[in-house]
N, C-alpha and C. Protein backbone atom coordinates (compact mmCIF):
# COMPACT_ATOMS: atom_id res chain seq x y z
N MET A 1 29.19 -23.80 64.05
CA MET A 1 29.92 -24.76 63.23
C MET A 1 29.12 -25.16 61.99
N LYS A 2 27.82 -25.44 62.21
CA LYS A 2 26.94 -25.83 61.11
C LYS A 2 26.81 -24.70 60.09
N ASN A 3 26.73 -23.45 60.61
CA ASN A 3 26.63 -22.31 59.70
C ASN A 3 27.88 -22.16 58.85
N SER A 4 29.02 -22.43 59.47
CA SER A 4 30.28 -22.32 58.73
C SER A 4 30.34 -23.35 57.62
N ILE A 5 29.86 -24.57 57.93
CA ILE A 5 29.85 -25.62 56.91
C ILE A 5 28.95 -25.23 55.73
N LYS A 6 27.80 -24.64 56.06
CA LYS A 6 26.86 -24.20 55.02
C LYS A 6 27.48 -23.12 54.14
N ILE A 7 28.15 -22.18 54.79
CA ILE A 7 28.77 -21.08 54.05
C ILE A 7 29.87 -21.60 53.13
N VAL A 8 30.71 -22.49 53.69
CA VAL A 8 31.81 -23.05 52.89
C VAL A 8 31.25 -23.86 51.72
N SER A 9 30.20 -24.65 52.00
CA SER A 9 29.59 -25.47 50.93
C SER A 9 29.02 -24.59 49.82
N SER A 10 28.39 -23.49 50.23
CA SER A 10 27.82 -22.57 49.24
C SER A 10 28.91 -21.94 48.38
N LEU A 11 30.01 -21.56 49.03
CA LEU A 11 31.11 -20.97 48.29
C LEU A 11 31.73 -21.96 47.31
N VAL A 12 31.86 -23.23 47.76
CA VAL A 12 32.42 -24.26 46.89
C VAL A 12 31.53 -24.48 45.67
N MET A 13 30.21 -24.53 45.90
CA MET A 13 29.27 -24.72 44.80
C MET A 13 29.33 -23.54 43.82
N LEU A 14 29.44 -22.34 44.35
CA LEU A 14 29.51 -21.15 43.51
C LEU A 14 30.77 -21.17 42.64
N VAL A 15 31.90 -21.57 43.26
CA VAL A 15 33.16 -21.65 42.52
C VAL A 15 33.06 -22.69 41.42
N LEU A 16 32.43 -23.84 41.73
CA LEU A 16 32.29 -24.89 40.74
C LEU A 16 31.43 -24.44 39.55
N ILE A 17 30.37 -23.73 39.87
CA ILE A 17 29.46 -23.25 38.82
C ILE A 17 30.18 -22.26 37.91
N VAL A 18 30.90 -21.31 38.54
CA VAL A 18 31.61 -20.30 37.76
C VAL A 18 32.73 -20.92 36.95
N SER A 19 33.40 -21.89 37.51
CA SER A 19 34.54 -22.51 36.83
C SER A 19 34.11 -23.33 35.62
N CYS A 20 32.82 -23.74 35.59
CA CYS A 20 32.33 -24.55 34.48
C CYS A 20 31.99 -23.69 33.26
N GLN A 21 31.93 -22.39 33.41
CA GLN A 21 31.59 -21.51 32.31
C GLN A 21 32.77 -21.36 31.36
N ASP A 22 32.48 -21.40 30.07
CA ASP A 22 33.50 -21.22 29.05
C ASP A 22 32.89 -20.37 27.95
N LYS A 23 33.43 -19.18 27.74
CA LYS A 23 32.86 -18.24 26.76
C LYS A 23 32.96 -18.77 25.33
N ASP A 24 33.86 -19.72 25.11
CA ASP A 24 34.04 -20.26 23.76
C ASP A 24 33.03 -21.35 23.42
N TYR A 25 32.29 -21.83 24.40
CA TYR A 25 31.32 -22.89 24.17
C TYR A 25 30.01 -22.53 24.84
N ARG A 26 28.92 -23.07 24.29
CA ARG A 26 27.62 -22.84 24.89
C ARG A 26 27.48 -23.65 26.18
N ASN A 27 26.78 -23.08 27.12
CA ASN A 27 26.50 -23.81 28.36
C ASN A 27 25.33 -24.75 28.15
N TYR A 28 25.00 -25.48 29.17
CA TYR A 28 23.87 -26.40 29.08
C TYR A 28 22.57 -25.61 28.89
N GLU A 29 21.69 -26.15 28.06
CA GLU A 29 20.41 -25.50 27.78
C GLU A 29 19.28 -26.33 28.37
N TYR A 30 18.40 -25.66 29.05
CA TYR A 30 17.23 -26.31 29.59
C TYR A 30 16.02 -25.91 28.74
N MET A 31 15.27 -26.88 28.28
CA MET A 31 14.13 -26.65 27.41
C MET A 31 14.54 -25.83 26.18
N PRO A 32 15.46 -26.33 25.36
CA PRO A 32 15.94 -25.56 24.21
C PRO A 32 14.86 -25.24 23.18
N ASN A 33 13.79 -26.06 23.15
CA ASN A 33 12.72 -25.79 22.19
C ASN A 33 12.03 -24.46 22.43
N MET A 34 12.24 -23.89 23.61
CA MET A 34 11.61 -22.60 23.91
C MET A 34 12.26 -21.46 23.14
N TYR A 35 13.52 -21.59 22.76
CA TYR A 35 14.18 -20.48 22.08
C TYR A 35 15.00 -20.91 20.86
N GLU A 36 15.01 -22.18 20.53
CA GLU A 36 15.64 -22.63 19.30
C GLU A 36 14.53 -23.05 18.34
N GLU A 37 14.08 -22.08 17.51
CA GLU A 37 12.96 -22.35 16.62
C GLU A 37 13.40 -23.17 15.41
N ILE A 38 12.44 -23.87 14.85
CA ILE A 38 12.70 -24.65 13.64
C ILE A 38 12.48 -23.72 12.45
N SER A 39 13.49 -23.49 11.66
CA SER A 39 13.36 -22.57 10.52
C SER A 39 13.06 -23.35 9.25
N TYR A 40 12.29 -22.71 8.38
CA TYR A 40 11.93 -23.32 7.10
C TYR A 40 12.36 -22.38 5.98
N GLU A 41 12.85 -22.94 4.92
CA GLU A 41 13.24 -22.14 3.77
C GLU A 41 12.00 -21.75 2.97
N ALA A 42 12.01 -20.51 2.49
CA ALA A 42 10.89 -20.05 1.67
C ALA A 42 10.75 -20.94 0.43
N TYR A 43 9.51 -21.29 0.13
CA TYR A 43 9.17 -22.13 -1.02
C TYR A 43 9.71 -23.56 -0.89
N GLY A 44 10.13 -23.95 0.33
CA GLY A 44 10.58 -25.31 0.54
C GLY A 44 9.39 -26.24 0.75
N LYS A 45 9.64 -27.52 0.64
CA LYS A 45 8.59 -28.52 0.83
C LYS A 45 8.77 -29.22 2.17
N TYR A 46 7.71 -29.15 3.01
CA TYR A 46 7.77 -29.76 4.34
C TYR A 46 6.43 -30.43 4.63
N ASP A 47 6.48 -31.54 5.30
CA ASP A 47 5.27 -32.32 5.57
C ASP A 47 4.31 -31.61 6.53
N VAL A 48 4.81 -30.65 7.30
CA VAL A 48 3.95 -30.02 8.30
C VAL A 48 2.98 -29.03 7.67
N PHE A 49 3.19 -28.66 6.40
CA PHE A 49 2.33 -27.68 5.74
C PHE A 49 1.38 -28.36 4.77
N PRO A 50 0.21 -27.76 4.56
CA PRO A 50 -0.71 -28.29 3.55
C PRO A 50 -0.04 -28.29 2.18
N ASN A 51 -0.20 -29.34 1.45
CA ASN A 51 0.43 -29.51 0.13
C ASN A 51 1.95 -29.42 0.20
N GLN A 52 2.48 -29.52 1.41
CA GLN A 52 3.94 -29.50 1.64
C GLN A 52 4.60 -28.18 1.22
N MET A 53 3.83 -27.12 1.06
CA MET A 53 4.38 -25.85 0.61
C MET A 53 4.51 -24.88 1.78
N GLU A 54 5.74 -24.36 1.99
CA GLU A 54 5.97 -23.41 3.09
C GLU A 54 5.32 -22.07 2.79
N ALA A 55 5.42 -21.59 1.55
CA ALA A 55 4.84 -20.30 1.17
C ALA A 55 3.39 -20.53 0.75
N MET A 56 2.50 -20.49 1.72
CA MET A 56 1.10 -20.77 1.45
C MET A 56 0.37 -19.52 0.97
N HIS A 57 -0.71 -19.72 0.25
CA HIS A 57 -1.53 -18.61 -0.22
C HIS A 57 -2.34 -18.04 0.96
N PRO A 58 -2.63 -16.73 0.95
CA PRO A 58 -3.49 -16.17 2.00
C PRO A 58 -4.87 -16.81 1.97
N VAL A 59 -5.55 -16.76 3.09
CA VAL A 59 -6.91 -17.29 3.15
C VAL A 59 -7.79 -16.52 2.17
N GLU A 60 -8.64 -17.22 1.46
CA GLU A 60 -9.50 -16.59 0.47
C GLU A 60 -10.37 -15.51 1.12
N GLY A 61 -10.37 -14.33 0.53
CA GLY A 61 -11.17 -13.23 1.05
C GLY A 61 -10.42 -12.33 2.01
N SER A 62 -9.18 -12.70 2.39
CA SER A 62 -8.41 -11.87 3.31
C SER A 62 -7.78 -10.69 2.57
N VAL A 63 -7.62 -9.58 3.25
CA VAL A 63 -7.01 -8.38 2.67
C VAL A 63 -5.94 -7.87 3.62
N SER A 64 -4.96 -7.17 3.08
CA SER A 64 -3.90 -6.59 3.90
C SER A 64 -4.45 -5.44 4.73
N ARG A 65 -3.90 -5.26 5.91
CA ARG A 65 -4.35 -4.16 6.77
C ARG A 65 -4.07 -2.82 6.09
N GLY A 66 -5.06 -1.94 6.08
CA GLY A 66 -4.91 -0.62 5.47
C GLY A 66 -5.16 -0.61 3.97
N TRP A 67 -5.50 -1.78 3.39
CA TRP A 67 -5.74 -1.84 1.96
C TRP A 67 -7.23 -2.02 1.69
N MET A 68 -7.74 -1.24 0.73
CA MET A 68 -9.15 -1.35 0.36
C MET A 68 -9.26 -2.03 -1.00
N PRO A 69 -10.13 -3.01 -1.13
CA PRO A 69 -10.29 -3.69 -2.42
C PRO A 69 -10.72 -2.72 -3.51
N TYR A 70 -10.21 -2.94 -4.70
CA TYR A 70 -10.56 -2.12 -5.87
C TYR A 70 -11.61 -2.87 -6.67
N GLU A 71 -12.76 -2.24 -6.86
CA GLU A 71 -13.92 -2.96 -7.36
C GLU A 71 -13.93 -3.16 -8.88
N TYR A 72 -13.08 -2.44 -9.60
CA TYR A 72 -13.10 -2.56 -11.06
C TYR A 72 -12.10 -3.63 -11.52
N PRO A 73 -12.54 -4.60 -12.32
CA PRO A 73 -11.64 -5.69 -12.74
C PRO A 73 -10.61 -5.22 -13.76
N ASN A 74 -9.55 -6.00 -13.89
CA ASN A 74 -8.49 -5.71 -14.84
C ASN A 74 -8.89 -6.26 -16.21
N SER A 75 -9.77 -5.53 -16.86
CA SER A 75 -10.28 -5.94 -18.17
C SER A 75 -10.67 -4.70 -18.95
N THR A 76 -10.98 -4.88 -20.21
CA THR A 76 -11.41 -3.75 -21.05
C THR A 76 -12.70 -3.15 -20.51
N GLU A 77 -13.61 -4.03 -20.07
CA GLU A 77 -14.87 -3.55 -19.51
C GLU A 77 -14.64 -2.79 -18.21
N GLY A 78 -13.72 -3.33 -17.37
CA GLY A 78 -13.40 -2.65 -16.12
C GLY A 78 -12.78 -1.28 -16.36
N TYR A 79 -11.92 -1.19 -17.38
CA TYR A 79 -11.30 0.08 -17.73
C TYR A 79 -12.36 1.10 -18.15
N GLN A 80 -13.29 0.67 -18.98
CA GLN A 80 -14.34 1.58 -19.45
C GLN A 80 -15.25 2.03 -18.31
N GLU A 81 -15.55 1.11 -17.40
CA GLU A 81 -16.39 1.47 -16.25
C GLU A 81 -15.69 2.48 -15.35
N ALA A 82 -14.41 2.22 -15.07
CA ALA A 82 -13.65 3.16 -14.24
C ALA A 82 -13.53 4.51 -14.93
N LYS A 83 -13.31 4.50 -16.22
CA LYS A 83 -13.17 5.74 -16.98
C LYS A 83 -14.43 6.59 -16.89
N ALA A 84 -15.58 5.93 -16.91
CA ALA A 84 -16.85 6.65 -16.91
C ALA A 84 -17.35 7.02 -15.51
N ASN A 85 -17.02 6.21 -14.52
CA ASN A 85 -17.67 6.38 -13.21
C ASN A 85 -16.75 6.74 -12.06
N LEU A 86 -15.48 6.37 -12.13
CA LEU A 86 -14.58 6.56 -10.99
C LEU A 86 -14.11 8.00 -10.91
N THR A 87 -14.20 8.60 -9.73
CA THR A 87 -13.77 9.98 -9.52
C THR A 87 -12.75 10.04 -8.39
N ASN A 88 -12.00 11.12 -8.35
CA ASN A 88 -10.94 11.29 -7.35
C ASN A 88 -11.55 11.72 -6.01
N PRO A 89 -11.40 10.90 -4.95
CA PRO A 89 -11.97 11.26 -3.66
C PRO A 89 -11.10 12.20 -2.82
N VAL A 90 -9.84 12.40 -3.25
CA VAL A 90 -8.91 13.24 -2.49
C VAL A 90 -9.15 14.70 -2.86
N PRO A 91 -9.29 15.59 -1.88
CA PRO A 91 -9.55 17.01 -2.18
C PRO A 91 -8.46 17.61 -3.07
N TYR A 92 -8.90 18.45 -4.01
CA TYR A 92 -7.96 19.12 -4.91
C TYR A 92 -7.50 20.41 -4.24
N THR A 93 -6.47 20.28 -3.42
CA THR A 93 -5.91 21.43 -2.71
C THR A 93 -4.49 21.68 -3.20
N GLU A 94 -3.95 22.84 -2.86
CA GLU A 94 -2.60 23.18 -3.30
C GLU A 94 -1.57 22.22 -2.70
N ASP A 95 -1.73 21.89 -1.43
CA ASP A 95 -0.80 20.97 -0.78
C ASP A 95 -0.85 19.60 -1.44
N ASN A 96 -2.06 19.11 -1.71
CA ASN A 96 -2.19 17.80 -2.33
C ASN A 96 -1.62 17.79 -3.75
N LEU A 97 -1.82 18.89 -4.46
CA LEU A 97 -1.29 18.97 -5.82
C LEU A 97 0.24 18.97 -5.81
N ASN A 98 0.83 19.71 -4.90
CA ASN A 98 2.29 19.75 -4.80
C ASN A 98 2.85 18.39 -4.40
N GLU A 99 2.15 17.70 -3.51
CA GLU A 99 2.58 16.36 -3.12
C GLU A 99 2.47 15.40 -4.30
N GLY A 100 1.41 15.56 -5.08
CA GLY A 100 1.23 14.74 -6.27
C GLY A 100 2.31 15.01 -7.31
N LYS A 101 2.72 16.28 -7.42
CA LYS A 101 3.79 16.63 -8.35
C LYS A 101 5.10 15.94 -7.97
N GLY A 102 5.40 15.92 -6.67
CA GLY A 102 6.61 15.25 -6.21
C GLY A 102 6.59 13.77 -6.52
N LEU A 103 5.44 13.13 -6.30
CA LEU A 103 5.32 11.70 -6.59
C LEU A 103 5.39 11.43 -8.09
N TYR A 104 4.80 12.33 -8.87
CA TYR A 104 4.84 12.19 -10.32
C TYR A 104 6.29 12.26 -10.81
N THR A 105 7.06 13.17 -10.26
CA THR A 105 8.46 13.30 -10.65
C THR A 105 9.24 12.03 -10.37
N ILE A 106 8.90 11.37 -9.26
CA ILE A 106 9.59 10.14 -8.88
C ILE A 106 9.21 8.97 -9.78
N TYR A 107 7.92 8.79 -10.01
CA TYR A 107 7.45 7.57 -10.65
C TYR A 107 7.11 7.71 -12.14
N CYS A 108 6.74 8.89 -12.58
CA CYS A 108 6.13 9.01 -13.92
C CYS A 108 6.94 9.81 -14.93
N ALA A 109 7.62 10.87 -14.47
CA ALA A 109 8.25 11.80 -15.39
C ALA A 109 9.32 11.15 -16.25
N ILE A 110 9.97 10.11 -15.78
CA ILE A 110 11.05 9.46 -16.52
C ILE A 110 10.56 8.95 -17.87
N CYS A 111 9.28 8.59 -17.96
CA CYS A 111 8.70 8.12 -19.22
C CYS A 111 7.79 9.16 -19.86
N HIS A 112 6.86 9.70 -19.06
CA HIS A 112 5.83 10.59 -19.59
C HIS A 112 6.29 12.03 -19.75
N GLY A 113 7.44 12.38 -19.16
CA GLY A 113 7.95 13.74 -19.29
C GLY A 113 7.40 14.66 -18.21
N ASP A 114 8.13 15.73 -17.94
CA ASP A 114 7.71 16.68 -16.91
C ASP A 114 6.41 17.39 -17.27
N LYS A 115 6.12 17.48 -18.57
CA LYS A 115 4.91 18.18 -19.02
C LYS A 115 3.79 17.21 -19.38
N GLY A 116 4.04 15.92 -19.28
CA GLY A 116 3.02 14.95 -19.64
C GLY A 116 2.85 14.80 -21.13
N ASP A 117 3.87 15.19 -21.91
CA ASP A 117 3.78 15.14 -23.37
C ASP A 117 4.37 13.87 -23.96
N GLY A 118 4.73 12.90 -23.09
CA GLY A 118 5.29 11.64 -23.57
C GLY A 118 6.73 11.72 -23.99
N LYS A 119 7.41 12.79 -23.59
CA LYS A 119 8.81 12.99 -23.99
C LYS A 119 9.73 12.95 -22.78
N GLY A 120 9.62 11.89 -22.01
CA GLY A 120 10.50 11.71 -20.86
C GLY A 120 11.89 11.27 -21.28
N THR A 121 12.75 11.12 -20.31
CA THR A 121 14.14 10.75 -20.58
C THR A 121 14.25 9.43 -21.34
N LEU A 122 13.47 8.43 -20.92
CA LEU A 122 13.54 7.12 -21.58
C LEU A 122 13.01 7.19 -23.01
N ALA A 123 12.02 8.06 -23.24
CA ALA A 123 11.48 8.22 -24.59
C ALA A 123 12.50 8.92 -25.48
N GLU A 124 13.17 9.93 -24.96
CA GLU A 124 14.17 10.65 -25.74
C GLU A 124 15.36 9.76 -26.09
N ARG A 125 15.68 8.83 -25.21
CA ARG A 125 16.78 7.90 -25.47
C ARG A 125 16.32 6.69 -26.27
N GLU A 126 15.04 6.69 -26.64
CA GLU A 126 14.43 5.61 -27.43
C GLU A 126 14.50 4.26 -26.73
N LYS A 127 14.46 4.29 -25.40
CA LYS A 127 14.38 3.05 -24.63
C LYS A 127 12.94 2.53 -24.63
N ILE A 128 11.99 3.47 -24.62
CA ILE A 128 10.57 3.13 -24.71
C ILE A 128 9.96 4.04 -25.76
N LEU A 129 9.24 3.47 -26.71
CA LEU A 129 8.65 4.25 -27.80
C LEU A 129 7.13 4.24 -27.72
N GLY A 130 6.54 5.25 -28.32
CA GLY A 130 5.08 5.30 -28.43
C GLY A 130 4.36 5.73 -27.18
N ILE A 131 5.01 6.53 -26.32
CA ILE A 131 4.33 7.02 -25.10
C ILE A 131 3.44 8.19 -25.49
N PRO A 132 2.12 8.07 -25.30
CA PRO A 132 1.22 9.14 -25.72
C PRO A 132 1.22 10.31 -24.74
N ALA A 133 0.88 11.48 -25.26
CA ALA A 133 0.69 12.64 -24.40
C ALA A 133 -0.64 12.50 -23.68
N TYR A 134 -0.76 13.18 -22.56
CA TYR A 134 -1.99 13.05 -21.77
C TYR A 134 -3.21 13.64 -22.47
N ASN A 135 -2.99 14.54 -23.44
CA ASN A 135 -4.12 15.11 -24.16
C ASN A 135 -4.38 14.40 -25.48
N ASP A 136 -3.85 13.18 -25.61
CA ASP A 136 -4.08 12.40 -26.81
C ASP A 136 -5.58 12.17 -27.00
N GLN A 137 -6.09 12.60 -28.16
CA GLN A 137 -7.54 12.55 -28.39
C GLN A 137 -8.06 11.13 -28.47
N GLY A 138 -7.21 10.21 -28.92
CA GLY A 138 -7.66 8.83 -29.03
C GLY A 138 -7.91 8.16 -27.70
N ARG A 139 -7.30 8.67 -26.65
CA ARG A 139 -7.46 8.07 -25.32
C ARG A 139 -8.48 8.83 -24.48
N ALA A 140 -8.48 10.13 -24.59
CA ALA A 140 -9.43 10.97 -23.84
C ALA A 140 -9.49 10.53 -22.37
N ILE A 141 -8.34 10.63 -21.71
CA ILE A 141 -8.24 10.12 -20.34
C ILE A 141 -9.13 10.89 -19.38
N THR A 142 -9.54 10.19 -18.32
CA THR A 142 -10.27 10.80 -17.22
C THR A 142 -9.57 10.41 -15.92
N ALA A 143 -10.01 10.99 -14.82
CA ALA A 143 -9.42 10.64 -13.52
C ALA A 143 -9.57 9.15 -13.26
N GLY A 144 -10.71 8.58 -13.66
CA GLY A 144 -10.95 7.16 -13.45
C GLY A 144 -10.06 6.28 -14.29
N SER A 145 -9.87 6.63 -15.57
CA SER A 145 -9.03 5.81 -16.44
C SER A 145 -7.57 5.89 -16.03
N VAL A 146 -7.13 7.07 -15.59
CA VAL A 146 -5.75 7.24 -15.14
C VAL A 146 -5.48 6.37 -13.91
N TYR A 147 -6.40 6.40 -12.96
CA TYR A 147 -6.22 5.59 -11.75
C TYR A 147 -6.21 4.11 -12.10
N HIS A 148 -7.10 3.70 -12.99
CA HIS A 148 -7.20 2.28 -13.37
C HIS A 148 -5.89 1.79 -13.98
N VAL A 149 -5.30 2.61 -14.87
CA VAL A 149 -4.05 2.22 -15.52
C VAL A 149 -2.90 2.21 -14.52
N MET A 150 -2.86 3.19 -13.61
CA MET A 150 -1.81 3.19 -12.60
C MET A 150 -1.95 1.99 -11.67
N TYR A 151 -3.17 1.58 -11.41
CA TYR A 151 -3.41 0.48 -10.48
C TYR A 151 -3.02 -0.87 -11.09
N TYR A 152 -3.43 -1.10 -12.34
CA TYR A 152 -3.17 -2.40 -12.97
C TYR A 152 -1.98 -2.39 -13.93
N GLY A 153 -1.66 -1.22 -14.49
CA GLY A 153 -0.66 -1.16 -15.55
C GLY A 153 -1.32 -1.38 -16.90
N LEU A 154 -0.62 -1.01 -17.98
CA LEU A 154 -1.16 -1.17 -19.32
C LEU A 154 0.00 -1.21 -20.32
N ASN A 155 -0.02 -2.21 -21.19
CA ASN A 155 1.03 -2.39 -22.19
C ASN A 155 2.40 -2.46 -21.51
N THR A 156 3.34 -1.58 -21.88
CA THR A 156 4.69 -1.64 -21.29
C THR A 156 4.75 -0.99 -19.91
N MET A 157 3.70 -0.30 -19.51
CA MET A 157 3.67 0.34 -18.20
C MET A 157 3.20 -0.66 -17.15
N GLY A 158 3.99 -0.84 -16.12
CA GLY A 158 3.62 -1.77 -15.05
C GLY A 158 2.70 -1.13 -14.02
N SER A 159 2.21 -1.94 -13.11
CA SER A 159 1.35 -1.46 -12.03
C SER A 159 2.17 -0.72 -10.98
N TYR A 160 1.54 0.31 -10.40
CA TYR A 160 2.18 1.05 -9.31
C TYR A 160 1.41 0.89 -8.00
N ALA A 161 0.56 -0.12 -7.95
CA ALA A 161 -0.26 -0.34 -6.76
C ALA A 161 0.57 -0.82 -5.58
N THR A 162 1.72 -1.44 -5.84
CA THR A 162 2.56 -1.93 -4.75
C THR A 162 3.57 -0.89 -4.29
N GLN A 163 3.95 0.03 -5.17
CA GLN A 163 4.93 1.06 -4.80
C GLN A 163 4.30 2.24 -4.09
N THR A 164 3.02 2.44 -4.30
CA THR A 164 2.34 3.62 -3.75
C THR A 164 1.06 3.20 -3.03
N THR A 165 0.60 4.07 -2.15
CA THR A 165 -0.67 3.83 -1.47
C THR A 165 -1.82 4.31 -2.35
N GLU A 166 -3.02 3.97 -1.94
CA GLU A 166 -4.20 4.41 -2.68
C GLU A 166 -4.26 5.94 -2.73
N ARG A 167 -3.98 6.58 -1.60
CA ARG A 167 -4.00 8.05 -1.57
C ARG A 167 -2.94 8.65 -2.48
N GLU A 168 -1.75 8.06 -2.49
CA GLU A 168 -0.68 8.58 -3.34
C GLU A 168 -1.03 8.46 -4.82
N LEU A 169 -1.71 7.38 -5.19
CA LEU A 169 -2.15 7.24 -6.57
C LEU A 169 -3.12 8.36 -6.95
N TRP A 170 -3.99 8.71 -6.02
CA TRP A 170 -4.95 9.79 -6.31
C TRP A 170 -4.27 11.15 -6.32
N LEU A 171 -3.22 11.33 -5.53
CA LEU A 171 -2.47 12.58 -5.57
C LEU A 171 -1.77 12.74 -6.93
N ILE A 172 -1.16 11.67 -7.41
CA ILE A 172 -0.55 11.69 -8.74
C ILE A 172 -1.63 11.97 -9.79
N ASN A 173 -2.78 11.38 -9.58
CA ASN A 173 -3.91 11.56 -10.49
C ASN A 173 -4.26 13.03 -10.66
N HIS A 174 -4.30 13.77 -9.57
CA HIS A 174 -4.60 15.21 -9.63
C HIS A 174 -3.58 15.92 -10.52
N TYR A 175 -2.32 15.59 -10.35
CA TYR A 175 -1.28 16.29 -11.11
C TYR A 175 -1.33 15.90 -12.59
N VAL A 176 -1.62 14.63 -12.87
CA VAL A 176 -1.75 14.18 -14.26
C VAL A 176 -2.87 14.95 -14.97
N MET A 177 -4.00 15.09 -14.30
CA MET A 177 -5.12 15.81 -14.91
C MET A 177 -4.80 17.29 -15.08
N ASP A 178 -3.98 17.84 -14.18
CA ASP A 178 -3.52 19.23 -14.34
C ASP A 178 -2.64 19.37 -15.58
N LEU A 179 -1.75 18.39 -15.79
CA LEU A 179 -0.89 18.42 -16.97
C LEU A 179 -1.72 18.30 -18.25
N LYS A 180 -2.75 17.47 -18.22
CA LYS A 180 -3.64 17.32 -19.38
C LYS A 180 -4.32 18.65 -19.70
N ASP A 181 -4.82 19.33 -18.65
CA ASP A 181 -5.48 20.63 -18.87
C ASP A 181 -4.50 21.65 -19.46
N ALA A 182 -3.26 21.62 -18.98
CA ALA A 182 -2.25 22.55 -19.49
C ALA A 182 -1.95 22.26 -20.96
N LEU A 183 -1.87 20.98 -21.34
CA LEU A 183 -1.63 20.62 -22.74
C LEU A 183 -2.82 21.01 -23.62
N ASP A 184 -4.01 20.97 -23.06
CA ASP A 184 -5.22 21.36 -23.80
C ASP A 184 -5.42 22.87 -23.83
N GLY A 185 -4.59 23.60 -23.07
CA GLY A 185 -4.72 25.05 -23.02
C GLY A 185 -5.88 25.52 -22.15
N LYS A 186 -6.34 24.65 -21.25
CA LYS A 186 -7.44 25.02 -20.36
C LYS A 186 -6.91 25.78 -19.15
N PRO A 187 -7.74 26.63 -18.56
CA PRO A 187 -7.31 27.35 -17.35
C PRO A 187 -7.17 26.39 -16.17
N LYS A 188 -6.35 26.77 -15.23
CA LYS A 188 -6.10 25.93 -14.07
C LYS A 188 -7.35 25.83 -13.20
N ARG A 189 -7.59 24.68 -12.68
CA ARG A 189 -8.76 24.49 -11.80
C ARG A 189 -8.59 25.26 -10.50
N ALA A 190 -9.72 25.67 -9.95
CA ALA A 190 -9.70 26.36 -8.65
C ALA A 190 -9.52 25.31 -7.55
N PHE A 191 -8.70 25.64 -6.58
CA PHE A 191 -8.48 24.73 -5.46
C PHE A 191 -9.71 24.63 -4.58
N GLU A 192 -9.92 23.45 -4.02
CA GLU A 192 -11.03 23.25 -3.09
C GLU A 192 -10.64 23.76 -1.71
N ASP A 193 -11.65 24.16 -0.95
CA ASP A 193 -11.42 24.55 0.44
C ASP A 193 -11.37 23.28 1.27
N GLU A 194 -10.17 22.97 1.78
CA GLU A 194 -10.00 21.71 2.51
C GLU A 194 -10.88 21.66 3.75
N THR A 195 -11.10 22.82 4.39
CA THR A 195 -11.97 22.86 5.58
C THR A 195 -13.38 22.47 5.20
N THR A 196 -13.85 23.03 4.07
CA THR A 196 -15.20 22.72 3.60
C THR A 196 -15.31 21.25 3.24
N THR A 197 -14.29 20.73 2.60
CA THR A 197 -14.29 19.32 2.21
C THR A 197 -14.36 18.41 3.43
N GLN A 198 -13.60 18.76 4.47
CA GLN A 198 -13.62 17.97 5.70
C GLN A 198 -14.99 18.04 6.37
N GLU A 199 -15.60 19.24 6.33
CA GLU A 199 -16.92 19.39 6.91
C GLU A 199 -17.95 18.53 6.16
N GLU A 200 -17.83 18.52 4.82
CA GLU A 200 -18.75 17.71 4.03
C GLU A 200 -18.57 16.23 4.35
N ALA A 201 -17.32 15.82 4.55
CA ALA A 201 -17.05 14.43 4.89
C ALA A 201 -17.65 14.08 6.25
N LEU A 202 -17.54 15.01 7.20
CA LEU A 202 -18.12 14.78 8.52
C LEU A 202 -19.64 14.68 8.43
N VAL A 203 -20.25 15.56 7.63
CA VAL A 203 -21.70 15.54 7.47
C VAL A 203 -22.14 14.22 6.85
N GLU A 204 -21.39 13.79 5.82
CA GLU A 204 -21.71 12.52 5.16
C GLU A 204 -21.57 11.35 6.13
N GLN A 205 -20.54 11.41 6.97
CA GLN A 205 -20.34 10.35 7.96
C GLN A 205 -21.47 10.33 8.97
N GLU A 206 -21.91 11.52 9.41
CA GLU A 206 -23.02 11.61 10.36
C GLU A 206 -24.30 11.08 9.74
N GLU A 207 -24.53 11.41 8.46
CA GLU A 207 -25.73 10.91 7.78
C GLU A 207 -25.72 9.40 7.69
N MET A 208 -24.54 8.83 7.39
CA MET A 208 -24.44 7.37 7.31
C MET A 208 -24.68 6.74 8.67
N THR A 209 -24.18 7.41 9.73
CA THR A 209 -24.39 6.91 11.09
C THR A 209 -25.86 6.94 11.46
N ASP A 210 -26.53 8.05 11.09
CA ASP A 210 -27.97 8.19 11.37
C ASP A 210 -28.76 7.13 10.63
N GLU A 211 -28.40 6.89 9.36
CA GLU A 211 -29.10 5.88 8.59
C GLU A 211 -28.91 4.49 9.22
N GLY A 212 -27.70 4.25 9.70
CA GLY A 212 -27.43 2.97 10.35
C GLY A 212 -28.26 2.79 11.61
N GLN A 213 -28.40 3.88 12.40
CA GLN A 213 -29.19 3.82 13.62
C GLN A 213 -30.66 3.57 13.29
N VAL A 214 -31.16 4.24 12.23
CA VAL A 214 -32.56 4.07 11.84
C VAL A 214 -32.81 2.63 11.41
N MET A 215 -31.89 2.08 10.61
CA MET A 215 -32.04 0.69 10.17
C MET A 215 -32.00 -0.27 11.34
N SER A 216 -31.14 0.03 12.32
CA SER A 216 -31.05 -0.82 13.50
C SER A 216 -32.33 -0.76 14.31
N GLU A 217 -32.89 0.44 14.46
CA GLU A 217 -34.13 0.60 15.20
C GLU A 217 -35.28 -0.11 14.50
N GLU A 218 -35.31 -0.01 13.15
CA GLU A 218 -36.37 -0.68 12.40
C GLU A 218 -36.26 -2.19 12.54
N ALA A 219 -35.03 -2.69 12.55
CA ALA A 219 -34.83 -4.13 12.71
C ALA A 219 -35.29 -4.60 14.08
N GLN A 220 -35.01 -3.79 15.10
CA GLN A 220 -35.43 -4.14 16.45
C GLN A 220 -36.94 -4.11 16.57
N THR A 221 -37.60 -3.14 15.87
CA THR A 221 -39.05 -3.05 15.91
C THR A 221 -39.68 -4.26 15.26
N GLU A 222 -39.08 -4.70 14.13
CA GLU A 222 -39.63 -5.86 13.43
C GLU A 222 -39.50 -7.12 14.28
N GLU A 223 -38.42 -7.19 15.07
CA GLU A 223 -38.23 -8.35 15.95
C GLU A 223 -39.27 -8.34 17.06
């Protein structure tokens, strides 16, 4: 008898629970703060944030993951330093050159032209004037100066540091320097052996590791 009462009571409770559900309305919420977050509008002012600004600046010295700081400043002096000292770290291989050509077609050819002569579509339509050819003697571009300008932008040309990765900028750089050589009538550069380049990188990495171990051992000896 007692078991029957329990079973009937359970069934009644189940029916009551199910009957209280209504798909058109929300059911009761327990601890709603667990899943109903407080949203803030971008650039809004709220007391919970420092200076009441929702869009706060990154912590000083922080960098985005996968991004390496560029050591040359956006100035005339920085441009000259990059022009004289900065070199392309990406191997000059056929695959890399072809990839650079594809990126150049996407980002650069519209202004600079397919041949790098400054006669792109926008120049021909007179939307942008005064685009120099890559072999312009007054500029005497180098791999370093090309990268610096692509990174920061110059005059009417904007920066491409946000649209492309560091490696992609260097791939474009290879193709730009190839176009310059073609305009100058120079023979095409010989491709690097990618296997050899990788081996050299491994050797350099091992040497740096060895130097680090030696410095660590010397520090331990001094202690």
